[in-house]
Amino acid sequence: MDHCAPDCGRRRFIKLTAIGLAAAPFASALLGSAARAADMVSESDPQASALGYVADATKSTKRTDASAACHNCGLYTGKEGEESGPCAIFQGKLVHANGWCTAWVKKAA
């Protein structure tokens, strides 16, 4: 006969509940940032609009450097060759690698 069956089950439940509660904020933060990172910046977004962001740099009337695009901007942190990536200006959102905005600064060599 198992002498601690009811007591052991209760202890196990309490221990698992405590572990789950302790881990919940971390799981939420990880899942929340992953979900937000997948969102693309829209040209109609108020911040994007204020900065003249366009998904296709060739369509900007404000761009003075014909080679300027998000992929060669110092604020762009996307991987080379990918269609989009994160930008320091648009926290938690992706921009098109071939996009452009007035915050563009030449990437350091």
N, C-alpha and C. Protein backbone atom coordinates (compact mmCIF):
# COMPACT_ATOMS: atom_id res chain seq x y z
N MET A 1 0.83 -1.18 0.00
CA MET A 1 0.00 0.00 0.00
C MET A 1 0.88 1.25 0.00
N ASP A 2 0.55 2.20 -0.85
CA ASP A 2 1.33 3.44 -0.97
C ASP A 2 0.89 4.40 0.12
N HIS A 3 1.76 4.70 1.06
CA HIS A 3 1.39 5.51 2.21
C HIS A 3 1.34 7.02 1.92
N CYS A 4 1.86 7.50 0.79
CA CYS A 4 1.85 8.95 0.55
C CYS A 4 1.07 9.32 -0.71
N ALA A 5 0.26 8.44 -1.22
CA ALA A 5 -0.44 8.68 -2.48
C ALA A 5 -1.20 10.01 -2.51
N PRO A 6 -2.10 10.30 -1.57
CA PRO A 6 -2.81 11.58 -1.63
C PRO A 6 -1.89 12.77 -1.41
N ASP A 7 -0.97 12.63 -0.46
CA ASP A 7 -0.06 13.72 -0.11
C ASP A 7 0.95 13.98 -1.23
N CYS A 8 1.48 12.93 -1.85
CA CYS A 8 2.47 13.08 -2.93
C CYS A 8 1.84 13.74 -4.15
N GLY A 9 0.62 13.39 -4.46
CA GLY A 9 -0.07 13.98 -5.60
C GLY A 9 -0.28 15.47 -5.41
N ARG A 10 -0.64 15.86 -4.19
CA ARG A 10 -0.86 17.27 -3.87
C ARG A 10 0.46 18.04 -3.97
N ARG A 11 1.53 17.47 -3.44
CA ARG A 11 2.85 18.12 -3.50
C ARG A 11 3.30 18.29 -4.95
N ARG A 12 3.09 17.24 -5.74
CA ARG A 12 3.48 17.30 -7.16
C ARG A 12 2.69 18.40 -7.87
N PHE A 13 1.39 18.48 -7.61
CA PHE A 13 0.54 19.50 -8.22
C PHE A 13 1.03 20.90 -7.84
N ILE A 14 1.32 21.11 -6.58
CA ILE A 14 1.79 22.42 -6.12
C ILE A 14 3.12 22.77 -6.77
N LYS A 15 4.02 21.81 -6.85
CA LYS A 15 5.33 22.04 -7.46
C LYS A 15 5.19 22.40 -8.94
N LEU A 16 4.37 21.65 -9.68
CA LEU A 16 4.18 21.92 -11.11
C LEU A 16 3.49 23.27 -11.33
N THR A 17 2.55 23.61 -10.47
CA THR A 17 1.87 24.90 -10.57
C THR A 17 2.86 26.04 -10.36
N ALA A 18 3.73 25.91 -9.35
CA ALA A 18 4.73 26.94 -9.06
C ALA A 18 5.70 27.10 -10.23
N ILE A 19 6.13 26.00 -10.82
CA ILE A 19 7.04 26.06 -11.96
C ILE A 19 6.35 26.72 -13.15
N GLY A 20 5.09 26.36 -13.38
CA GLY A 20 4.33 26.96 -14.49
C GLY A 20 4.15 28.45 -14.31
N LEU A 21 3.83 28.88 -13.10
CA LEU A 21 3.66 30.31 -12.84
C LEU A 21 4.96 31.07 -13.00
N ALA A 22 6.07 30.46 -12.60
CA ALA A 22 7.37 31.11 -12.72
C ALA A 22 7.80 31.23 -14.19
N ALA A 23 7.44 30.24 -15.00
CA ALA A 23 7.84 30.24 -16.41
C ALA A 23 6.92 31.06 -17.30
N ALA A 24 5.71 31.34 -16.88
CA ALA A 24 4.72 32.02 -17.72
C ALA A 24 5.20 33.36 -18.28
N PRO A 25 5.79 34.26 -17.47
CA PRO A 25 6.22 35.54 -18.04
C PRO A 25 7.28 35.39 -19.14
N PHE A 26 8.17 34.43 -18.96
CA PHE A 26 9.21 34.22 -19.98
C PHE A 26 8.62 33.69 -21.27
N ALA A 27 7.71 32.75 -21.18
CA ALA A 27 7.06 32.20 -22.37
C ALA A 27 6.26 33.28 -23.07
N SER A 28 5.56 34.10 -22.30
CA SER A 28 4.77 35.18 -22.88
C SER A 28 5.66 36.18 -23.62
N ALA A 29 6.79 36.54 -23.01
CA ALA A 29 7.70 37.48 -23.65
C ALA A 29 8.28 36.91 -24.93
N LEU A 30 8.66 35.66 -24.91
CA LEU A 30 9.24 35.04 -26.11
C LEU A 30 8.21 34.93 -27.22
N LEU A 31 7.03 34.47 -26.90
CA LEU A 31 6.00 34.33 -27.92
C LEU A 31 5.50 35.68 -28.40
N GLY A 32 5.38 36.64 -27.53
CA GLY A 32 4.91 37.96 -27.91
C GLY A 32 5.86 38.66 -28.85
N SER A 33 7.17 38.61 -28.59
CA SER A 33 8.13 39.28 -29.46
C SER A 33 8.23 38.57 -30.80
N ALA A 34 8.07 37.26 -30.82
CA ALA A 34 8.12 36.53 -32.09
C ALA A 34 6.92 36.90 -32.95
N ALA A 35 5.78 37.06 -32.34
CA ALA A 35 4.58 37.41 -33.10
C ALA A 35 4.68 38.82 -33.65
N ARG A 36 5.17 39.75 -32.85
CA ARG A 36 5.29 41.13 -33.31
C ARG A 36 6.35 41.26 -34.40
N ALA A 37 7.41 40.52 -34.32
CA ALA A 37 8.48 40.64 -35.30
C ALA A 37 8.02 40.24 -36.69
N ALA A 38 6.98 39.46 -36.78
CA ALA A 38 6.49 39.01 -38.07
C ALA A 38 5.66 40.07 -38.80
N ASP A 39 5.24 41.12 -38.10
CA ASP A 39 4.41 42.15 -38.72
C ASP A 39 5.25 43.05 -39.63
N MET A 40 4.74 43.29 -40.82
CA MET A 40 5.40 44.20 -41.76
C MET A 40 4.92 45.62 -41.51
N VAL A 41 5.81 46.56 -41.69
CA VAL A 41 5.43 47.97 -41.60
C VAL A 41 4.61 48.30 -42.84
N SER A 42 3.51 48.98 -42.63
CA SER A 42 2.66 49.41 -43.73
C SER A 42 3.00 50.86 -44.08
N GLU A 43 2.94 51.19 -45.35
CA GLU A 43 3.20 52.57 -45.77
C GLU A 43 2.19 53.53 -45.14
N SER A 44 1.02 53.02 -44.77
CA SER A 44 -0.01 53.87 -44.16
C SER A 44 0.14 54.00 -42.65
N ASP A 45 1.06 53.25 -42.05
CA ASP A 45 1.34 53.36 -40.62
C ASP A 45 1.73 54.82 -40.33
N PRO A 46 1.18 55.44 -39.28
CA PRO A 46 1.47 56.86 -39.02
C PRO A 46 2.97 57.19 -38.95
N GLN A 47 3.75 56.36 -38.27
CA GLN A 47 5.19 56.62 -38.18
C GLN A 47 5.85 56.45 -39.54
N ALA A 48 5.49 55.40 -40.26
CA ALA A 48 6.05 55.15 -41.58
C ALA A 48 5.70 56.29 -42.53
N SER A 49 4.46 56.72 -42.48
CA SER A 49 4.00 57.82 -43.33
C SER A 49 4.77 59.10 -43.04
N ALA A 50 4.98 59.39 -41.75
CA ALA A 50 5.71 60.60 -41.35
C ALA A 50 7.16 60.57 -41.85
N LEU A 51 7.72 59.36 -41.95
CA LEU A 51 9.10 59.21 -42.42
C LEU A 51 9.19 58.96 -43.92
N GLY A 52 8.07 59.01 -44.61
CA GLY A 52 8.07 58.80 -46.05
C GLY A 52 8.45 57.39 -46.46
N TYR A 53 8.17 56.39 -45.60
CA TYR A 53 8.53 55.01 -45.91
C TYR A 53 7.76 54.49 -47.12
N VAL A 54 8.49 53.84 -48.00
CA VAL A 54 7.90 53.15 -49.14
C VAL A 54 8.51 51.75 -49.21
N ALA A 55 7.71 50.78 -49.56
CA ALA A 55 8.17 49.39 -49.65
C ALA A 55 9.11 49.20 -50.84
N ASP A 56 9.00 50.07 -51.84
CA ASP A 56 9.84 50.02 -53.03
C ASP A 56 10.55 51.37 -53.16
N ALA A 57 11.84 51.40 -52.85
CA ALA A 57 12.61 52.64 -52.83
C ALA A 57 12.55 53.40 -54.15
N THR A 58 12.41 52.71 -55.26
CA THR A 58 12.39 53.38 -56.56
C THR A 58 11.14 54.24 -56.74
N LYS A 59 10.13 54.04 -55.89
CA LYS A 59 8.89 54.80 -56.00
C LYS A 59 8.86 56.04 -55.09
N SER A 60 9.96 56.28 -54.38
CA SER A 60 10.01 57.44 -53.49
C SER A 60 10.39 58.69 -54.27
N THR A 61 9.67 59.77 -54.02
CA THR A 61 9.99 61.06 -54.65
C THR A 61 10.95 61.86 -53.77
N LYS A 62 11.18 61.40 -52.54
CA LYS A 62 12.05 62.12 -51.60
C LYS A 62 13.48 61.60 -51.58
N ARG A 63 13.73 60.44 -52.12
CA ARG A 63 15.05 59.81 -52.08
C ARG A 63 15.99 60.54 -53.03
N THR A 64 17.15 60.99 -52.53
CA THR A 64 18.12 61.69 -53.36
C THR A 64 19.28 60.81 -53.80
N ASP A 65 19.55 59.73 -53.06
CA ASP A 65 20.62 58.80 -53.41
C ASP A 65 19.97 57.58 -54.06
N ALA A 66 20.21 57.38 -55.34
CA ALA A 66 19.56 56.29 -56.08
C ALA A 66 19.91 54.91 -55.53
N SER A 67 21.02 54.77 -54.80
CA SER A 67 21.40 53.46 -54.27
C SER A 67 20.84 53.23 -52.86
N ALA A 68 20.24 54.23 -52.24
CA ALA A 68 19.74 54.12 -50.87
C ALA A 68 18.52 53.21 -50.80
N ALA A 69 18.60 52.24 -49.90
CA ALA A 69 17.49 51.32 -49.64
C ALA A 69 17.67 50.76 -48.23
N CYS A 70 16.62 50.20 -47.70
CA CYS A 70 16.69 49.67 -46.33
C CYS A 70 17.85 48.69 -46.15
N HIS A 71 18.09 47.83 -47.13
CA HIS A 71 19.13 46.80 -46.98
C HIS A 71 20.53 47.36 -46.82
N ASN A 72 20.76 48.62 -47.21
CA ASN A 72 22.09 49.20 -47.02
C ASN A 72 22.06 50.39 -46.06
N CYS A 73 21.06 50.38 -45.18
CA CYS A 73 20.90 51.41 -44.16
C CYS A 73 21.51 50.93 -42.85
N GLY A 74 22.11 51.83 -42.11
CA GLY A 74 22.71 51.50 -40.82
C GLY A 74 21.70 51.11 -39.75
N LEU A 75 20.44 51.40 -39.96
CA LEU A 75 19.39 51.07 -38.99
C LEU A 75 18.74 49.72 -39.26
N TYR A 76 19.01 49.15 -40.43
CA TYR A 76 18.43 47.88 -40.85
C TYR A 76 19.27 46.74 -40.30
N THR A 77 18.63 45.78 -39.65
CA THR A 77 19.38 44.66 -39.06
C THR A 77 18.99 43.32 -39.67
N GLY A 78 18.36 43.36 -40.83
CA GLY A 78 17.98 42.12 -41.50
C GLY A 78 19.20 41.43 -42.10
N LYS A 79 19.04 40.16 -42.42
CA LYS A 79 20.12 39.39 -43.01
C LYS A 79 20.24 39.69 -44.49
N GLU A 80 21.47 39.72 -44.97
CA GLU A 80 21.72 40.00 -46.38
C GLU A 80 21.04 38.96 -47.27
N GLY A 81 20.38 39.43 -48.31
CA GLY A 81 19.72 38.55 -49.26
C GLY A 81 18.26 38.24 -48.94
N GLU A 82 17.80 38.59 -47.75
CA GLU A 82 16.40 38.33 -47.40
C GLU A 82 15.52 39.47 -47.89
N GLU A 83 14.24 39.18 -48.13
CA GLU A 83 13.31 40.18 -48.66
C GLU A 83 12.92 41.25 -47.64
N SER A 84 13.02 40.92 -46.35
CA SER A 84 12.66 41.88 -45.32
C SER A 84 13.47 41.61 -44.06
N GLY A 85 13.42 42.58 -43.15
CA GLY A 85 14.14 42.43 -41.89
C GLY A 85 13.77 43.53 -40.92
N PRO A 86 14.24 43.42 -39.69
CA PRO A 86 13.93 44.42 -38.67
C PRO A 86 14.66 45.74 -38.91
N CYS A 87 14.05 46.81 -38.43
CA CYS A 87 14.64 48.15 -38.51
C CYS A 87 14.56 48.78 -37.12
N ALA A 88 15.62 49.45 -36.70
CA ALA A 88 15.65 50.09 -35.38
C ALA A 88 14.59 51.17 -35.24
N ILE A 89 14.17 51.78 -36.32
CA ILE A 89 13.16 52.84 -36.28
C ILE A 89 11.78 52.26 -36.00
N PHE A 90 11.45 51.17 -36.65
CA PHE A 90 10.13 50.56 -36.52
C PHE A 90 10.22 49.35 -35.59
N GLN A 91 10.35 49.59 -34.31
CA GLN A 91 10.52 48.54 -33.31
C GLN A 91 9.46 47.44 -33.41
N GLY A 92 9.92 46.20 -33.49
CA GLY A 92 9.02 45.06 -33.53
C GLY A 92 8.37 44.80 -34.86
N LYS A 93 8.77 45.51 -35.90
CA LYS A 93 8.19 45.31 -37.22
C LYS A 93 9.29 45.11 -38.25
N LEU A 94 8.90 44.52 -39.36
CA LEU A 94 9.82 44.28 -40.46
C LEU A 94 9.61 45.32 -41.55
N VAL A 95 10.68 45.65 -42.25
CA VAL A 95 10.60 46.52 -43.42
C VAL A 95 11.10 45.74 -44.63
N HIS A 96 10.69 46.16 -45.80
CA HIS A 96 11.16 45.52 -47.03
C HIS A 96 12.62 45.92 -47.25
N ALA A 97 13.44 44.95 -47.62
CA ALA A 97 14.87 45.22 -47.85
C ALA A 97 15.06 46.27 -48.94
N ASN A 98 14.15 46.31 -49.90
CA ASN A 98 14.25 47.29 -50.99
C ASN A 98 13.40 48.53 -50.72
N GLY A 99 12.99 48.69 -49.47
CA GLY A 99 12.22 49.87 -49.08
C GLY A 99 13.15 51.04 -48.78
N TRP A 100 12.56 52.15 -48.35
CA TRP A 100 13.35 53.35 -48.02
C TRP A 100 12.51 54.30 -47.19
N CYS A 101 13.16 55.08 -46.32
CA CYS A 101 12.49 56.17 -45.60
C CYS A 101 13.50 57.28 -45.35
N THR A 102 13.03 58.42 -44.89
CA THR A 102 13.90 59.58 -44.68
C THR A 102 14.89 59.40 -43.53
N ALA A 103 14.74 58.35 -42.72
CA ALA A 103 15.69 58.07 -41.64
C ALA A 103 16.92 57.32 -42.16
N TRP A 104 16.96 57.01 -43.44
CA TRP A 104 18.06 56.23 -44.02
C TRP A 104 19.41 56.87 -43.74
N VAL A 105 20.36 56.07 -43.26
CA VAL A 105 21.76 56.47 -43.07
C VAL A 105 22.63 55.38 -43.66
N LYS A 106 23.67 55.78 -44.34
CA LYS A 106 24.53 54.79 -45.00
C LYS A 106 25.14 53.86 -43.97
N LYS A 107 25.07 52.56 -44.27
CA LYS A 107 25.64 51.54 -43.39
C LYS A 107 27.16 51.67 -43.37
N ALA A 108 27.73 51.58 -42.19
CA ALA A 108 29.20 51.66 -42.06
C ALA A 108 29.85 50.49 -42.79
N ALA A 109 30.94 50.79 -43.44
CA ALA A 109 31.63 49.76 -44.22
C ALA A 109 32.41 48.80 -43.39
